Amino acid sequence: MRQLIRHLAAALLAALILAVPAQAQTEVKDAPDPYVHRVAGVRFPEALPGFSRGWVFEYDEQGADASVGYKPQDIRGEMTLYVYPSAGVPCSVWFEDADRAVMNRAGVTRKNGQEATRLLAGSVPEQVSSRYKFAPGSYGFDHPELVSFLWVGCVPGGDWIIKYRGTFDAPDEAKAAALAEQLFAAIDWTPVTGG
């Protein structure tokens, strides 16, 4: 079981990295508690009710582009939160680029027909999301069917993008969706959303 979890974590991390434009990436070893996004100021605690923080990566020297991974305690899966500058690029373009990276993988299908996910209340009006199914074994090792979530939120004023990726066993889809809402509610996003 541990081996399967390690393979799943490695595959998810590889998929997440593919969804980020090619650039330098540095793992923040022994990240402090909380890890504070160096530019945006969002705080990512090491432990939140129901979650434990895993990896922290910075994708530029200033630390303006960063991701933080969390593991839910109740189900097997990985959840990654990204905060990075929008660079004046529309929210829909950020989403389309991430969606294309997911869809370029063999054995994945987009799940149509679900209502758009709203992970941040009122202050982030533009939120785009999708869900995907990954066929058993499509990551190149023995694993069951997986469900994956992609969500992109654009902060008013155009300064920051918040992105969420999560991958879980397919039977846990409903619980995983609720966990994403729980994780977002546990983090203080006001440094980037303004309230």
Foldseek 3Di string as FASTA:
>chain_A
DVVQLVLQVVLVVVLVVLLDPDAAKDKDPPADAFRAQQPLGWTRGQDDVQKGKDIKMARDPSSQWIKTKIAGPPFRKIKMKIKHFQPPPDQVVSQVSSVVSVVVQPQKDWDPDDDADDLDPDLFPDKGKTKMWGPACSSVDGDHIKMKIWMWTAAPVRTMIMIMIMMHHVVCVVVVSVVSSVVSVRIDNCSRSVD
